[in-house]
Amino acid sequence: MILGGSCKIGVLGGIGPEATGEFYNKLINELQTRELIDNNKDFPQIIINSIPAPELIGIKVLKNDLENYISGLRELHTFGVDFIVMVCNTIHLFHNKFQKIINTPILDLREEIKKFLIKNDIQKVLVIGTPLTINSGLYEFREINSSKPNEKELETLSKAIFNFNKGFKKEEQIKITKKICEKYLERGVKKIILGCTEFGVMLGKENLPTINTIDLLVDATIKKFILNKEKVIYHDKNN
């Protein structure tokens, strides 16, 4: 099914930049794999706003910490995008707040993860991410038995995210993160939710039973892309 390329997608990225690049590359590859592209005109217009925003790896977020995120979303809104994808996990804690600020639909990663877990009957997971993501229970659902790292492990993971993002001893950060994951797998955890897009980059090639939130964002983006295109086609046929 070739849909044509009039859909305009906004991507709030830069948080971090490598994860944004990973998302973009995977999105293009998946569009091709699903045979949605016949020629270059069939690709959606993709506007990436890679913002130099604060890394939300602390235990709380101050009002000023969100200013760059809000500005980035508003910029994408002014471009007239059909919908926005935020390539970051922690920032989805503020999804409802942001959606009240701009009218452009913003994909809700939390809902995508919940649907994925229920659809695939995944009952026991470990969630790794920033302390804010974990302690807020962003990816805790009544239907799912979820574990989370202890406070010391959360601090270790936060440092790994920070160091990896700035390019410091990247292989070491991968080993540190993988070791924590393996500890919980030995305790019976079946899947690991990579609740930080940096972990999606870090552990993407490791032999671990992970749920990569970058992949879920890609899948949700393509579904939204198809839905928007079908609406345009339906509208054109009836006018």
C-alpha atoms as a PDB file:
ATOM      1  CA  MET A   1       0.000   0.000   0.000  1.00  0.00           C
ATOM      2  CA  ILE A   2       1.699   3.202  -1.194  1.00  0.00           C
ATOM      3  CA  LEU A   3       0.288   6.265   0.521  1.00  0.00           C
ATOM      4  CA  GLY A   4       2.102   9.259  -0.932  1.00  0.00           C
ATOM      5  CA  GLY A   5       4.150  11.778   0.993  1.00  0.00           C
ATOM      6  CA  SER A   6       1.997  14.681   2.163  1.00  0.00           C
ATOM      7  CA  CYS A   7       2.065  13.731   5.870  1.00  0.00           C
ATOM      8  CA  LYS A   8       4.236  15.991   8.000  1.00  0.00           C
ATOM      9  CA  ILE A   9       5.762  14.510  11.168  1.00  0.00           C
ATOM     10  CA  GLY A  10       7.382  16.550  13.928  1.00  0.00           C
ATOM     11  CA  VAL A  11      10.121  14.971  16.033  1.00  0.00           C
ATOM     12  CA  LEU A  12      11.231  16.505  19.309  1.00  0.00           C
ATOM     13  CA  GLY A  13      14.735  15.141  19.710  1.00  0.00           C
ATOM     14  CA  GLY A  14      18.192  15.868  20.955  1.00  0.00           C
ATOM     15  CA  ILE A  15      17.406  14.235  24.240  1.00  0.00           C
ATOM     16  CA  GLY A  16      19.817  12.694  23.442  1.00  0.00           C
ATOM     17  CA  PRO A  17      20.941  13.210  19.845  1.00  0.00           C
ATOM     18  CA  GLU A  18      22.085   9.615  19.242  1.00  0.00           C
ATOM     19  CA  ALA A  19      18.700   8.244  20.256  1.00  0.00           C
ATOM     20  CA  THR A  20      17.062  10.726  17.875  1.00  0.00           C
ATOM     21  CA  GLY A  21      19.304   9.553  15.045  1.00  0.00           C
ATOM     22  CA  GLU A  22      18.479   5.939  15.907  1.00  0.00           C
ATOM     23  CA  PHE A  23      14.765   6.714  15.810  1.00  0.00           C
ATOM     24  CA  TYR A  24      15.043   8.429  12.421  1.00  0.00           C
ATOM     25  CA  ASN A  25      17.063   5.636  10.827  1.00  0.00           C
ATOM     26  CA  LYS A  26      14.755   2.950  12.178  1.00  0.00           C
ATOM     27  CA  LEU A  27      11.697   4.857  10.999  1.00  0.00           C
ATOM     28  CA  ILE A  28      13.013   5.113   7.437  1.00  0.00           C
ATOM     29  CA  ASN A  29      14.043   1.459   7.409  1.00  0.00           C
ATOM     30  CA  GLU A  30      10.677   0.316   8.736  1.00  0.00           C
ATOM     31  CA  LEU A  31       8.763   2.371   6.163  1.00  0.00           C
ATOM     32  CA  GLN A  32      10.769   0.581   3.480  1.00  0.00           C
ATOM     33  CA  THR A  33      10.427  -2.867   5.086  1.00  0.00           C
ATOM     34  CA  ARG A  34       6.645  -2.522   5.295  1.00  0.00           C
ATOM     35  CA  GLU A  35       6.608  -1.587   1.588  1.00  0.00           C
ATOM     36  CA  LEU A  36       5.033   1.808   2.220  1.00  0.00           C
ATOM     37  CA  ILE A  37       7.551   3.518  -0.073  1.00  0.00           C
ATOM     38  CA  ASP A  38       7.539   3.255  -3.866  1.00  0.00           C
ATOM     39  CA  ASN A  39       9.693   6.297  -4.571  1.00  0.00           C
ATOM     40  CA  ASN A  40      11.236   9.179  -2.647  1.00  0.00           C
ATOM     41  CA  LYS A  41       8.016  11.209  -2.842  1.00  0.00           C
ATOM     42  CA  ASP A  42       6.281   8.632  -0.666  1.00  0.00           C
ATOM     43  CA  PHE A  43       8.319   9.419   2.432  1.00  0.00           C
ATOM     44  CA  PRO A  44       6.627  11.677   4.960  1.00  0.00           C
ATOM     45  CA  GLN A  45       8.076  15.107   5.568  1.00  0.00           C
ATOM     46  CA  ILE A  46       9.980  14.748   8.834  1.00  0.00           C
ATOM     47  CA  ILE A  47      10.980  17.828  10.804  1.00  0.00           C
ATOM     48  CA  ILE A  48      13.459  17.053  13.571  1.00  0.00           C
ATOM     49  CA  ASN A  49      13.861  19.690  16.236  1.00  0.00           C
ATOM     50  CA  SER A  50      16.959  18.533  18.114  1.00  0.00           C
ATOM     51  CA  ILE A  51      16.903  20.687  21.224  1.00  0.00           C
ATOM     52  CA  PRO A  52      19.764  21.332  23.695  1.00  0.00           C
ATOM     53  CA  ALA A  53      17.521  20.624  26.686  1.00  0.00           C
ATOM     54  CA  PRO A  54      18.577  19.624  30.211  1.00  0.00           C
ATOM     55  CA  GLU A  55      19.022  15.898  30.797  1.00  0.00           C
ATOM     56  CA  LEU A  56      16.219  14.877  33.122  1.00  0.00           C
ATOM     57  CA  ILE A  57      18.250  12.364  35.103  1.00  0.00           C
ATOM     58  CA  GLY A  58      17.761  13.846  38.570  1.00  0.00           C
ATOM     59  CA  ILE A  59      15.091  13.010  41.137  1.00  0.00           C
ATOM     60  CA  LYS A  60      12.934  16.032  40.328  1.00  0.00           C
ATOM     61  CA  VAL A  61      12.308  18.492  37.525  1.00  0.00           C
ATOM     62  CA  LEU A  62      12.239  22.238  38.046  1.00  0.00           C
ATOM     63  CA  LYS A  63       9.942  24.506  36.053  1.00  0.00           C
ATOM     64  CA  ASN A  64      12.904  25.967  34.152  1.00  0.00           C
ATOM     65  CA  ASP A  65      13.986  22.483  33.079  1.00  0.00           C
ATOM     66  CA  LEU A  66      10.906  22.193  30.863  1.00  0.00           C
ATOM     67  CA  GLU A  67      11.221  25.537  29.075  1.00  0.00           C
ATOM     68  CA  ASN A  68      13.347  24.199  26.190  1.00  0.00           C
ATOM     69  CA  TYR A  69      11.009  21.254  25.728  1.00  0.00           C
ATOM     70  CA  ILE A  70       7.957  23.509  25.552  1.00  0.00           C
ATOM     71  CA  SER A  71       9.710  25.891  23.157  1.00  0.00           C
ATOM     72  CA  GLY A  72      10.724  22.938  20.964  1.00  0.00           C
ATOM     73  CA  LEU A  73       7.159  21.656  20.826  1.00  0.00           C
ATOM     74  CA  ARG A  74       5.813  25.098  19.992  1.00  0.00           C
ATOM     75  CA  GLU A  75       8.326  25.428  17.161  1.00  0.00           C
ATOM     76  CA  LEU A  76       7.175  22.141  15.679  1.00  0.00           C
ATOM     77  CA  HIS A  77       3.565  23.268  16.054  1.00  0.00           C
ATOM     78  CA  THR A  78       4.282  26.412  14.027  1.00  0.00           C
ATOM     79  CA  PHE A  79       5.584  24.211  11.191  1.00  0.00           C
ATOM     80  CA  GLY A  80       2.102  22.763  10.869  1.00  0.00           C
ATOM     81  CA  VAL A  81       3.053  19.147  11.543  1.00  0.00           C
ATOM     82  CA  ASP A  82       0.275  16.559  11.677  1.00  0.00           C
ATOM     83  CA  PHE A  83       1.562  15.066  14.917  1.00  0.00           C
ATOM     84  CA  ILE A  84       4.639  15.096  17.161  1.00  0.00           C
ATOM     85  CA  VAL A  85       6.881  12.311  18.474  1.00  0.00           C
ATOM     86  CA  MET A  86       8.963  12.999  21.582  1.00  0.00           C
ATOM     87  CA  VAL A  87      12.093  10.804  21.438  1.00  0.00           C
ATOM     88  CA  CYS A  88      12.582  10.636  25.185  1.00  0.00           C
ATOM     89  CA  ASN A  89      10.937   8.610  27.931  1.00  0.00           C
ATOM     90  CA  THR A  90      11.107  10.825  31.005  1.00  0.00           C
ATOM     91  CA  ILE A  91       9.524  13.759  29.186  1.00  0.00           C
ATOM     92  CA  HIS A  92       6.370  11.679  28.704  1.00  0.00           C
ATOM     93  CA  LEU A  93       5.647  12.302  32.385  1.00  0.00           C
ATOM     94  CA  PHE A  94       4.526  15.721  31.158  1.00  0.00           C
ATOM     95  CA  HIS A  95       2.589  14.521  28.116  1.00  0.00           C
ATOM     96  CA  ASN A  96      -0.773  15.790  29.390  1.00  0.00           C
ATOM     97  CA  LYS A  97       0.722  19.137  30.398  1.00  0.00           C
ATOM     98  CA  PHE A  98       2.273  19.626  26.953  1.00  0.00           C
ATOM     99  CA  GLN A  99      -0.870  18.512  25.143  1.00  0.00           C
ATOM    100  CA  LYS A 100      -2.791  21.294  26.879  1.00  0.00           C
ATOM    101  CA  ILE A 101      -0.236  23.846  25.657  1.00  0.00           C
ATOM    102  CA  ILE A 102      -0.308  22.932  21.950  1.00  0.00           C
ATOM    103  CA  ASN A 103      -3.136  21.602  19.777  1.00  0.00           C
ATOM    104  CA  THR A 104      -0.940  19.362  17.627  1.00  0.00           C
ATOM    105  CA  PRO A 105      -1.391  15.707  18.734  1.00  0.00           C
ATOM    106  CA  ILE A 106       1.582  14.262  20.638  1.00  0.00           C
ATOM    107  CA  LEU A 107       2.118  10.495  20.607  1.00  0.00           C
ATOM    108  CA  ASP A 108       1.724   9.009  24.098  1.00  0.00           C
ATOM    109  CA  LEU A 109       4.553   6.506  24.673  1.00  0.00           C
ATOM    110  CA  ARG A 110       3.090   5.312  27.977  1.00  0.00           C
ATOM    111  CA  GLU A 111      -0.085   4.170  26.239  1.00  0.00           C
ATOM    112  CA  GLU A 112       1.920   2.477  23.491  1.00  0.00           C
ATOM    113  CA  ILE A 113       3.908   0.477  26.039  1.00  0.00           C
ATOM    114  CA  LYS A 114       0.776  -0.545  27.935  1.00  0.00           C
ATOM    115  CA  LYS A 115      -0.918  -1.765  24.735  1.00  0.00           C
ATOM    116  CA  PHE A 116       2.225  -3.681  23.721  1.00  0.00           C
ATOM    117  CA  LEU A 117       2.533  -5.472  27.081  1.00  0.00           C
ATOM    118  CA  ILE A 118      -1.127  -6.490  27.171  1.00  0.00           C
ATOM    119  CA  LYS A 119      -1.240  -7.540  23.511  1.00  0.00           C
ATOM    120  CA  ASN A 120       1.814  -9.767  23.931  1.00  0.00           C
ATOM    121  CA  ASP A 121       0.727 -11.104  27.342  1.00  0.00           C
ATOM    122  CA  ILE A 122       3.943  -9.966  29.038  1.00  0.00           C
ATOM    123  CA  GLN A 123       3.430 -10.372  32.775  1.00  0.00           C
ATOM    124  CA  LYS A 124       6.783  -9.801  34.483  1.00  0.00           C
ATOM    125  CA  VAL A 125       9.105  -6.948  33.534  1.00  0.00           C
ATOM    126  CA  LEU A 126      12.014  -4.900  34.796  1.00  0.00           C
ATOM    127  CA  VAL A 127      11.836  -1.191  34.025  1.00  0.00           C
ATOM    128  CA  ILE A 128      15.121   0.693  33.763  1.00  0.00           C
ATOM    129  CA  GLY A 129      15.334   4.425  33.208  1.00  0.00           C
ATOM    130  CA  THR A 130      16.008   7.698  34.968  1.00  0.00           C
ATOM    131  CA  PRO A 131      15.119   7.969  38.680  1.00  0.00           C
ATOM    132  CA  LEU A 132      12.255  10.290  37.758  1.00  0.00           C
ATOM    133  CA  THR A 133      10.792   7.816  35.269  1.00  0.00           C
ATOM    134  CA  ILE A 134      11.104   4.896  37.672  1.00  0.00           C
ATOM    135  CA  ASN A 135      10.016   6.579  40.914  1.00  0.00           C
ATOM    136  CA  SER A 136       7.037   8.236  39.238  1.00  0.00           C
ATOM    137  CA  GLY A 137       5.798   4.844  38.074  1.00  0.00           C
ATOM    138  CA  LEU A 138       5.460   5.996  34.466  1.00  0.00           C
ATOM    139  CA  TYR A 139       5.537   2.413  33.212  1.00  0.00           C
ATOM    140  CA  GLU A 140       3.756   0.713  36.090  1.00  0.00           C
ATOM    141  CA  PHE A 141       0.403  -0.838  35.199  1.00  0.00           C
ATOM    142  CA  ARG A 142      -2.089  -2.775  37.313  1.00  0.00           C
ATOM    143  CA  GLU A 143      -2.107  -5.620  34.808  1.00  0.00           C
ATOM    144  CA  ILE A 144       1.682  -6.091  34.860  1.00  0.00           C
ATOM    145  CA  ASN A 145       4.077  -7.361  37.544  1.00  0.00           C
ATOM    146  CA  SER A 146       6.951  -4.897  37.291  1.00  0.00           C
ATOM    147  CA  SER A 147      10.285  -4.651  39.095  1.00  0.00           C
ATOM    148  CA  LYS A 148      12.536  -1.633  39.354  1.00  0.00           C
ATOM    149  CA  PRO A 149      16.194  -1.086  40.238  1.00  0.00           C
ATOM    150  CA  ASN A 150      17.069  -0.113  43.786  1.00  0.00           C
ATOM    151  CA  GLU A 151      18.221   3.409  44.619  1.00  0.00           C
ATOM    152  CA  LYS A 152      21.916   2.602  44.260  1.00  0.00           C
ATOM    153  CA  GLU A 153      21.305   0.963  40.884  1.00  0.00           C
ATOM    154  CA  LEU A 154      19.227   3.930  39.742  1.00  0.00           C
ATOM    155  CA  GLU A 155      22.099   6.248  40.595  1.00  0.00           C
ATOM    156  CA  THR A 156      24.481   3.984  38.656  1.00  0.00           C
ATOM    157  CA  LEU A 157      22.136   3.904  35.657  1.00  0.00           C
ATOM    158  CA  SER A 158      21.769   7.688  35.693  1.00  0.00           C
ATOM    159  CA  LYS A 159      25.535   8.099  35.573  1.00  0.00           C
ATOM    160  CA  ALA A 160      25.693   5.595  32.714  1.00  0.00           C
ATOM    161  CA  ILE A 161      23.115   7.608  30.748  1.00  0.00           C
ATOM    162  CA  PHE A 162      24.960  10.863  31.395  1.00  0.00           C
ATOM    163  CA  ASN A 163      28.374   9.464  30.498  1.00  0.00           C
ATOM    164  CA  PHE A 164      27.139   7.648  27.395  1.00  0.00           C
ATOM    165  CA  ASN A 165      25.367  10.773  26.163  1.00  0.00           C
ATOM    166  CA  LYS A 166      28.567  12.798  26.354  1.00  0.00           C
ATOM    167  CA  GLY A 167      30.632  10.008  24.778  1.00  0.00           C
ATOM    168  CA  PHE A 168      32.628   9.010  27.866  1.00  0.00           C
ATOM    169  CA  LYS A 169      33.785   5.340  27.923  1.00  0.00           C
ATOM    170  CA  LYS A 170      30.683   4.218  26.084  1.00  0.00           C
ATOM    171  CA  GLU A 171      31.492   0.506  26.126  1.00  0.00           C
ATOM    172  CA  GLU A 172      31.927   0.670  29.891  1.00  0.00           C
ATOM    173  CA  GLN A 173      28.498   2.275  30.299  1.00  0.00           C
ATOM    174  CA  ILE A 174      26.984  -0.562  28.255  1.00  0.00           C
ATOM    175  CA  LYS A 175      28.643  -3.194  30.470  1.00  0.00           C
ATOM    176  CA  ILE A 176      27.451  -1.462  33.651  1.00  0.00           C
ATOM    177  CA  THR A 177      23.871  -1.313  32.416  1.00  0.00           C
ATOM    178  CA  LYS A 178      23.888  -4.868  31.073  1.00  0.00           C
ATOM    179  CA  LYS A 179      25.144  -6.233  34.391  1.00  0.00           C
ATOM    180  CA  ILE A 180      22.201  -4.726  36.277  1.00  0.00           C
ATOM    181  CA  CYS A 181      19.760  -6.156  33.724  1.00  0.00           C
ATOM    182  CA  GLU A 182      21.277  -9.636  33.994  1.00  0.00           C
ATOM    183  CA  LYS A 183      20.857  -9.586  37.770  1.00  0.00           C
ATOM    184  CA  TYR A 184      17.085  -9.216  37.431  1.00  0.00           C
ATOM    185  CA  LEU A 185      16.821 -11.739  34.606  1.00  0.00           C
ATOM    186  CA  GLU A 186      18.368 -14.290  36.972  1.00  0.00           C
ATOM    187  CA  ARG A 187      15.545 -13.465  39.400  1.00  0.00           C
ATOM    188  CA  GLY A 188      12.872 -14.412  36.886  1.00  0.00           C
ATOM    189  CA  VAL A 189      12.165 -11.199  35.004  1.00  0.00           C
ATOM    190  CA  LYS A 190      11.023 -12.022  31.458  1.00  0.00           C
ATOM    191  CA  LYS A 191      11.420  -8.691  29.687  1.00  0.00           C
ATOM    192  CA  ILE A 192      13.291  -5.433  30.296  1.00  0.00           C
ATOM    193  CA  ILE A 193      11.602  -2.185  29.355  1.00  0.00           C
ATOM    194  CA  LEU A 194      14.303   0.227  28.205  1.00  0.00           C
ATOM    195  CA  GLY A 195      12.641   3.247  29.765  1.00  0.00           C
ATOM    196  CA  CYS A 196      15.262   5.646  28.462  1.00  0.00           C
ATOM    197  CA  THR A 197      16.012   6.071  24.764  1.00  0.00           C
ATOM    198  CA  GLU A 198      19.737   6.056  25.554  1.00  0.00           C
ATOM    199  CA  PHE A 199      19.340   2.482  26.766  1.00  0.00           C
ATOM    200  CA  GLY A 200      17.760   1.675  23.414  1.00  0.00           C
ATOM    201  CA  VAL A 201      21.007   2.756  21.771  1.00  0.00           C
ATOM    202  CA  MET A 202      23.264   1.188  24.401  1.00  0.00           C
ATOM    203  CA  LEU A 203      21.625  -2.226  24.548  1.00  0.00           C
ATOM    204  CA  GLY A 204      20.164  -2.428  21.045  1.00  0.00           C
ATOM    205  CA  LYS A 205      22.727  -5.016  19.911  1.00  0.00           C
ATOM    206  CA  GLU A 206      23.031  -6.908  23.179  1.00  0.00           C
ATOM    207  CA  ASN A 207      21.542 -10.380  23.589  1.00  0.00           C
ATOM    208  CA  LEU A 208      18.929  -9.403  26.151  1.00  0.00           C
ATOM    209  CA  PRO A 209      15.101  -9.784  26.126  1.00  0.00           C
ATOM    210  CA  THR A 210      14.405  -6.068  25.918  1.00  0.00           C
ATOM    211  CA  ILE A 211      11.467  -3.908  24.912  1.00  0.00           C
ATOM    212  CA  ASN A 212      13.064  -1.012  23.088  1.00  0.00           C
ATOM    213  CA  THR A 213      10.936   2.113  23.462  1.00  0.00           C
ATOM    214  CA  ILE A 214      12.536   3.552  20.323  1.00  0.00           C
ATOM    215  CA  ASP A 215      11.026   0.641  18.367  1.00  0.00           C
ATOM    216  CA  LEU A 216       7.613   1.268  19.931  1.00  0.00           C
ATOM    217  CA  LEU A 217       7.837   4.940  18.985  1.00  0.00           C
ATOM    218  CA  VAL A 218       8.691   3.950  15.409  1.00  0.00           C
ATOM    219  CA  ASP A 219       5.740   1.558  15.231  1.00  0.00           C
ATOM    220  CA  ALA A 220       3.323   4.125  16.676  1.00  0.00           C
ATOM    221  CA  THR A 221       4.639   6.772  14.267  1.00  0.00           C
ATOM    222  CA  ILE A 222       4.038   4.543  11.236  1.00  0.00           C
ATOM    223  CA  LYS A 223       0.513   3.670  12.401  1.00  0.00           C
ATOM    224  CA  LYS A 224      -0.248   7.366  12.853  1.00  0.00           C
ATOM    225  CA  PHE A 225       1.317   8.132   9.464  1.00  0.00           C
ATOM    226  CA  ILE A 226      -0.911   5.546   7.756  1.00  0.00           C
ATOM    227  CA  LEU A 227      -4.004   6.806   9.575  1.00  0.00           C
ATOM    228  CA  ASN A 228      -3.320  10.406   8.572  1.00  0.00           C
ATOM    229  CA  LYS A 229      -2.711   9.433   4.957  1.00  0.00           C
ATOM    230  CA  GLU A 230      -5.910   7.389   4.768  1.00  0.00           C
ATOM    231  CA  LYS A 231      -7.861  10.371   6.074  1.00  0.00           C
ATOM    232  CA  VAL A 232      -6.340  12.567   3.365  1.00  0.00           C
ATOM    233  CA  ILE A 233      -7.156  10.018   0.664  1.00  0.00           C
ATOM    234  CA  TYR A 234     -10.738   9.655   1.962  1.00  0.00           C
ATOM    235  CA  HIS A 235     -11.153  13.429   2.064  1.00  0.00           C
ATOM    236  CA  ASP A 236      -9.823  13.834  -1.495  1.00  0.00           C
ATOM    237  CA  LYS A 237     -12.197  11.160  -2.816  1.00  0.00           C
ATOM    238  CA  ASN A 238     -15.192  12.876  -1.279  1.00  0.00           C
ATOM    239  CA  ASN A 239     -14.433  16.406  -2.471  1.00  0.00           C
END
